[in-house]
Amino acid sequence: MRRPVSHIPLAVLVAACASTGASYKSGVAPKSFDKPPFYTGADVPNVGRVGHLPIRYQRGAEQGAQFEPKAATGSPAAALVADMNAFLDSIAASARLSPASAEVGSAPDVHFGCEPAMIGGDCLGDGDENANHHLELSVGRPSQDWIGWLGTTLDSTSHDHALLITMELGQYWPRQKGLSLGKEVRLGSDYTVGVPWLTSLEHPIAVVQLTGVLVGRDGRAIRIGAEGMLAKRSHILVSALGAQSLVSDEDIERLRTLRRDDLPGQPLVWQVALRNLVSQLTGQVGQS
């Protein structure tokens, strides 16, 4: 059983909200979703003079860093991120920033997925069929030294905004597919994938996703969003036991060539997700 959290001192909560990485005063308030598109903040700004930092792969606590796909040079994740950066440069919706100094401090961190439980790191409502299984989108406030570094970087350019995109893992809730027995995971803008009908609706599914934030010179977020790309389907027996299959290096390698059969020309899944994310955050469509 989960422990109640009402005994946590108010001072502890206030301190947590005031720390770097908290969503308080980040520029965009958290928002909950039941279905895509997964974006919040200012309306699509259609801003010019946007610079982007290279897309990065962020390993985190979704599976435990020791169980997540490798990030080292030569790994599928590193290769996919390199593909993404080349594509981001090619669509020309923003210009690559070339900082004169190494990045310092903590960048704004976008989180999207199931709402984490206060204690234990699991998803809130995991195993509870009556829980409100929504997804939460939020962004953590960057550190002051990172804000200073960004300002210096933008000072040497003609850009007023910066776009930060991260590939990372998340956990999404599966949903019933209409009135049928089928089940699905709503990954992002006009993109849903089916999962085995015996998949439990009470437990989340691991997802590979892109998260992004458009920030101003002051480091405050203007608009944030997420696009899921691949859902790790659990074996029927694994799902029945309430367990979750983990995303592997092989899954990331498969994502590099995975295509959207539902779209004309069958474009790559990650290219569609990246283009949608950039367009939704900046209002710039870029080149085809």
Protein backbone atom coordinates (compact mmCIF):
# COMPACT_ATOMS: atom_id res chain seq x y z
CA MET A 1 0.00 0.00 0.00
CA ARG A 2 1.14 3.56 -0.70
CA ARG A 3 1.83 5.74 2.27
CA PRO A 4 -0.26 8.92 2.66
CA VAL A 5 1.66 12.11 1.98
CA SER A 6 -0.32 14.53 4.17
CA HIS A 7 2.39 14.38 6.86
CA ILE A 8 5.05 15.96 4.63
CA PRO A 9 5.96 19.35 6.19
CA LEU A 10 4.87 22.44 4.28
CA ALA A 11 8.40 23.82 4.48
CA VAL A 12 9.71 20.83 2.54
CA LEU A 13 7.17 21.39 -0.23
CA VAL A 14 7.97 25.10 -0.41
CA ALA A 15 11.69 24.36 -0.61
CA ALA A 16 11.10 21.85 -3.39
CA CYS A 17 9.08 24.39 -5.40
CA ALA A 18 11.83 27.00 -5.02
CA SER A 19 14.62 24.75 -6.27
CA THR A 20 16.08 24.67 -9.76
CA GLY A 21 14.14 22.23 -11.93
CA ALA A 22 10.77 22.93 -10.30
CA SER A 23 7.98 24.10 -12.58
CA TYR A 24 7.28 27.12 -10.34
CA LYS A 25 8.13 30.32 -12.27
CA SER A 26 9.38 28.24 -15.21
CA GLY A 27 7.24 30.28 -17.61
CA VAL A 28 4.68 27.57 -18.42
CA ALA A 29 2.34 25.92 -15.92
CA PRO A 30 1.94 22.12 -15.95
CA LYS A 31 -1.00 20.72 -17.89
CA SER A 32 -2.73 17.33 -17.92
CA PHE A 33 -3.85 15.48 -21.06
CA ASP A 34 -6.04 12.53 -21.95
CA LYS A 35 -5.27 12.71 -25.66
CA PRO A 36 -2.91 14.49 -28.08
CA PRO A 37 -1.77 16.97 -29.23
CA PHE A 38 0.48 17.40 -26.19
CA TYR A 39 1.37 21.11 -26.10
CA THR A 40 0.88 24.00 -23.70
CA GLY A 41 2.06 27.54 -23.05
CA ALA A 42 1.64 30.46 -25.41
CA ASP A 43 -0.32 29.94 -28.60
CA VAL A 44 1.85 28.76 -31.51
CA PRO A 45 4.00 31.88 -31.57
CA ASN A 46 5.17 31.96 -35.22
CA VAL A 47 8.36 33.60 -34.01
CA GLY A 48 11.34 34.43 -36.16
CA ARG A 49 14.99 34.51 -35.19
CA VAL A 50 14.93 31.15 -33.40
CA GLY A 51 18.17 29.31 -32.75
CA HIS A 52 18.37 25.67 -31.70
CA LEU A 53 20.83 23.75 -29.60
CA PRO A 54 21.74 20.24 -30.76
CA ILE A 55 19.17 17.58 -29.91
CA ARG A 56 20.37 15.47 -27.01
CA TYR A 57 19.49 12.05 -25.62
CA GLN A 58 18.63 12.26 -21.96
CA ARG A 59 18.87 9.14 -19.89
CA GLY A 60 16.78 9.35 -16.77
CA ALA A 61 14.89 7.46 -14.13
CA GLU A 62 12.08 6.03 -16.27
CA GLN A 63 13.73 2.59 -16.42
CA GLY A 64 16.73 3.31 -14.25
CA ALA A 65 19.81 4.56 -16.10
CA GLN A 66 21.47 1.16 -15.89
CA PHE A 67 18.59 -0.39 -17.85
CA GLU A 68 18.12 2.35 -20.46
CA PRO A 69 19.56 2.21 -23.98
CA LYS A 70 23.22 3.16 -24.18
CA ALA A 71 24.18 6.70 -25.15
CA ALA A 72 27.86 6.22 -25.99
CA THR A 73 29.35 6.96 -29.39
CA GLY A 74 28.46 4.16 -31.80
CA SER A 75 25.25 3.25 -29.97
CA PRO A 76 21.87 3.24 -31.76
CA ALA A 77 20.76 6.20 -29.61
CA ALA A 78 23.80 8.25 -30.60
CA ALA A 79 23.25 7.39 -34.27
CA LEU A 80 19.56 8.33 -34.11
CA VAL A 81 20.31 11.65 -32.41
CA ALA A 82 22.89 12.40 -35.13
CA ASP A 83 20.23 11.65 -37.79
CA MET A 84 17.80 13.96 -36.00
CA ASN A 85 20.27 16.82 -35.78
CA ALA A 86 21.04 16.60 -39.48
CA PHE A 87 17.31 16.62 -40.26
CA LEU A 88 16.65 19.54 -37.91
CA ASP A 89 19.34 21.56 -39.69
CA SER A 90 17.92 20.62 -43.09
CA ILE A 91 14.34 21.80 -42.49
CA ALA A 92 15.69 25.27 -41.63
CA ALA A 93 12.84 26.24 -39.28
CA SER A 94 15.52 27.45 -36.86
CA ALA A 95 19.26 28.06 -37.03
CA ARG A 96 21.83 25.96 -35.19
CA LEU A 97 23.47 27.87 -32.35
CA SER A 98 27.25 27.64 -32.04
CA PRO A 99 28.10 28.57 -28.43
CA ALA A 100 31.56 30.05 -27.85
CA SER A 101 31.82 28.32 -24.47
CA ALA A 102 30.81 24.97 -23.03
CA GLU A 103 27.28 24.70 -21.66
CA VAL A 104 27.05 25.12 -17.91
CA GLY A 105 24.36 24.59 -15.31
CA SER A 106 21.00 22.89 -15.72
CA ALA A 107 18.91 23.47 -18.85
CA PRO A 108 15.09 23.63 -18.65
CA ASP A 109 13.88 20.03 -18.41
CA VAL A 110 10.58 19.08 -20.05
CA HIS A 111 8.82 16.07 -18.54
CA PHE A 112 5.92 14.28 -20.19
CA GLY A 113 4.23 11.06 -19.24
CA CYS A 114 2.33 9.57 -16.36
CA GLU A 115 2.16 11.69 -13.24
CA PRO A 116 4.86 10.39 -10.86
CA ALA A 117 3.84 9.25 -7.41
CA MET A 118 5.12 11.35 -4.52
CA ILE A 119 6.96 8.37 -3.06
CA GLY A 120 8.63 5.46 -4.81
CA GLY A 121 9.00 6.84 -8.34
CA ASP A 122 6.12 4.81 -9.80
CA CYS A 123 3.25 6.26 -11.81
CA LEU A 124 0.41 7.71 -9.78
CA GLY A 125 -2.51 5.33 -10.23
CA ASP A 126 -0.40 2.37 -11.35
CA GLY A 127 -2.44 -0.75 -10.66
CA ASP A 128 -5.59 1.22 -9.82
CA GLU A 129 -8.34 0.69 -12.37
CA ASN A 130 -10.35 3.61 -10.96
CA ALA A 131 -7.53 6.15 -11.12
CA ASN A 132 -7.55 9.12 -13.48
CA HIS A 133 -4.86 7.91 -15.88
CA HIS A 134 -3.90 11.22 -17.46
CA LEU A 135 -0.52 12.36 -18.76
CA GLU A 136 1.22 15.44 -17.41
CA LEU A 137 3.37 17.93 -19.32
CA SER A 138 5.65 20.27 -17.36
CA VAL A 139 8.99 22.04 -17.57
CA GLY A 140 11.56 22.64 -14.87
CA ARG A 141 13.16 26.04 -14.37
CA PRO A 142 16.80 26.27 -15.54
CA SER A 143 19.64 27.29 -13.25
CA GLN A 144 20.90 30.86 -13.17
CA ASP A 145 24.28 29.95 -14.63
CA TRP A 146 22.58 28.24 -17.58
CA ILE A 147 20.42 31.32 -18.16
CA GLY A 148 23.57 33.44 -18.18
CA TRP A 149 25.24 31.04 -20.60
CA LEU A 150 22.23 31.14 -22.93
CA GLY A 151 22.16 34.93 -22.86
CA THR A 152 25.83 35.10 -23.80
CA THR A 153 25.25 32.59 -26.60
CA LEU A 154 22.32 34.58 -28.02
CA ASP A 155 24.21 37.87 -27.69
CA SER A 156 26.63 36.72 -30.36
CA THR A 157 23.78 35.98 -32.81
CA SER A 158 20.68 37.66 -34.19
CA HIS A 159 18.38 35.22 -32.39
CA ASP A 160 16.00 36.07 -29.54
CA HIS A 161 14.68 32.57 -28.78
CA ALA A 162 16.21 29.15 -28.32
CA LEU A 163 14.72 25.75 -29.10
CA LEU A 164 15.77 22.77 -26.98
CA ILE A 165 14.73 19.25 -27.99
CA THR A 166 15.46 16.04 -26.12
CA MET A 167 14.98 12.38 -26.96
CA GLU A 168 14.10 10.45 -23.85
CA LEU A 169 11.88 7.73 -22.44
CA GLY A 170 8.45 8.25 -20.95
CA GLN A 171 5.51 6.22 -19.70
CA TYR A 172 2.09 6.56 -21.35
CA TRP A 173 -1.19 4.95 -20.39
CA PRO A 174 -2.82 2.56 -22.88
CA ARG A 175 -6.46 3.28 -23.73
CA GLN A 176 -9.51 1.33 -24.82
CA LYS A 177 -10.03 1.71 -28.58
CA GLY A 178 -13.55 3.03 -28.82
CA LEU A 179 -16.20 0.44 -27.97
CA SER A 180 -14.15 -2.45 -29.30
CA LEU A 181 -11.91 -4.88 -27.42
CA GLY A 182 -8.88 -3.29 -29.03
CA LYS A 183 -6.43 -1.15 -27.11
CA GLU A 184 -4.05 1.59 -28.21
CA VAL A 185 -1.45 4.11 -27.14
CA ARG A 186 -1.96 7.69 -28.27
CA LEU A 187 1.59 8.72 -29.04
CA GLY A 188 1.23 12.19 -30.50
CA SER A 189 -0.27 14.43 -33.17
CA ASP A 190 -2.50 12.19 -35.31
CA TYR A 191 -0.46 9.15 -34.32
CA THR A 192 -1.86 6.16 -32.46
CA VAL A 193 -0.55 2.58 -32.34
CA GLY A 194 -2.39 -0.54 -31.33
CA VAL A 195 -1.32 -2.83 -28.50
CA PRO A 196 -2.41 -6.42 -27.73
CA TRP A 197 -5.97 -6.61 -26.43
CA LEU A 198 -4.83 -8.36 -23.25
CA THR A 199 -2.61 -5.38 -22.36
CA SER A 200 -3.58 -4.10 -18.92
CA LEU A 201 -5.06 -0.62 -18.81
CA GLU A 202 -3.92 -0.27 -15.21
CA HIS A 203 -0.20 -0.14 -16.00
CA PRO A 204 1.76 2.31 -18.19
CA ILE A 205 3.77 1.42 -21.29
CA ALA A 206 7.34 2.57 -21.96
CA VAL A 207 7.59 5.06 -24.83
CA VAL A 208 10.44 6.68 -26.76
CA GLN A 209 9.57 10.33 -27.20
CA LEU A 210 10.77 13.79 -28.15
CA THR A 211 10.18 16.66 -25.74
CA GLY A 212 10.86 20.28 -26.53
CA VAL A 213 10.76 23.82 -25.17
CA LEU A 214 10.98 27.26 -26.73
CA VAL A 215 12.69 29.66 -24.31
CA GLY A 216 13.32 33.37 -24.32
CA ARG A 217 16.55 35.17 -23.55
CA ASP A 218 15.60 35.17 -19.86
CA GLY A 219 15.47 31.36 -19.83
CA ARG A 220 11.73 31.26 -19.20
CA ALA A 221 9.73 28.74 -21.21
CA ILE A 222 7.29 30.13 -23.79
CA ARG A 223 5.79 26.90 -25.12
CA ILE A 224 6.47 23.21 -24.41
CA GLY A 225 5.39 19.94 -26.00
CA ALA A 226 6.00 16.27 -26.64
CA GLU A 227 5.64 13.74 -29.46
CA GLY A 228 5.80 10.00 -28.82
CA MET A 229 7.49 7.86 -31.46
CA LEU A 230 7.57 4.24 -30.32
CA ALA A 231 5.62 2.28 -27.72
CA LYS A 232 7.30 -0.79 -26.27
CA ARG A 233 4.65 -3.47 -26.43
CA SER A 234 4.81 -5.85 -23.49
CA HIS A 235 4.40 -9.60 -23.93
CA ILE A 236 0.89 -10.68 -22.98
CA LEU A 237 2.13 -12.69 -19.99
CA VAL A 238 4.35 -9.82 -18.83
CA SER A 239 1.45 -7.37 -19.02
CA ALA A 240 -0.87 -9.75 -17.23
CA LEU A 241 1.57 -9.81 -14.32
CA GLY A 242 1.57 -6.02 -14.14
CA ALA A 243 5.15 -5.75 -15.38
CA GLN A 244 6.54 -3.58 -18.16
CA SER A 245 8.90 -4.46 -21.00
CA LEU A 246 11.91 -2.15 -21.15
CA VAL A 247 13.08 -0.17 -24.18
CA SER A 248 16.30 -1.68 -25.54
CA ASP A 249 19.11 -0.71 -27.91
CA GLU A 250 17.38 -2.89 -30.51
CA ASP A 251 14.18 -0.84 -30.15
CA ILE A 252 16.11 2.38 -30.77
CA GLU A 253 17.75 0.84 -33.83
CA ARG A 254 14.31 -0.19 -35.12
CA LEU A 255 13.03 3.34 -34.58
CA ARG A 256 15.71 4.68 -36.94
CA THR A 257 13.93 3.03 -39.88
CA LEU A 258 10.34 2.79 -38.60
CA ARG A 259 7.87 4.38 -41.04
CA ARG A 260 4.40 5.90 -40.91
CA ASP A 261 2.44 3.61 -43.23
CA ASP A 262 -0.63 5.79 -42.72
CA LEU A 263 0.93 8.84 -44.42
CA PRO A 264 1.71 9.51 -48.09
CA GLY A 265 5.24 8.47 -48.96
CA GLN A 266 5.59 6.51 -45.71
CA PRO A 267 7.93 9.02 -44.00
CA LEU A 268 10.10 8.01 -41.07
CA VAL A 269 8.26 8.11 -37.75
CA TRP A 270 10.92 10.21 -36.04
CA GLN A 271 11.03 12.73 -38.88
CA VAL A 272 7.27 13.31 -38.67
CA ALA A 273 7.47 13.67 -34.88
CA LEU A 274 10.39 16.09 -35.06
CA ARG A 275 8.80 18.24 -37.73
CA ASN A 276 5.52 18.38 -35.77
CA LEU A 277 7.36 19.35 -32.59
CA VAL A 278 9.34 22.15 -34.26
CA SER A 279 6.26 23.47 -36.04
CA GLN A 280 4.14 23.44 -32.89
CA LEU A 281 6.78 25.17 -30.79
CA THR A 282 7.88 27.85 -33.24
CA GLY A 283 5.11 28.20 -35.80
CA GLN A 284 7.76 27.64 -38.49
CA VAL A 285 7.04 24.77 -40.88
CA GLY A 286 10.48 24.68 -42.46
CA GLN A 287 11.41 23.12 -45.78
CA SER A 288 9.98 19.85 -47.07
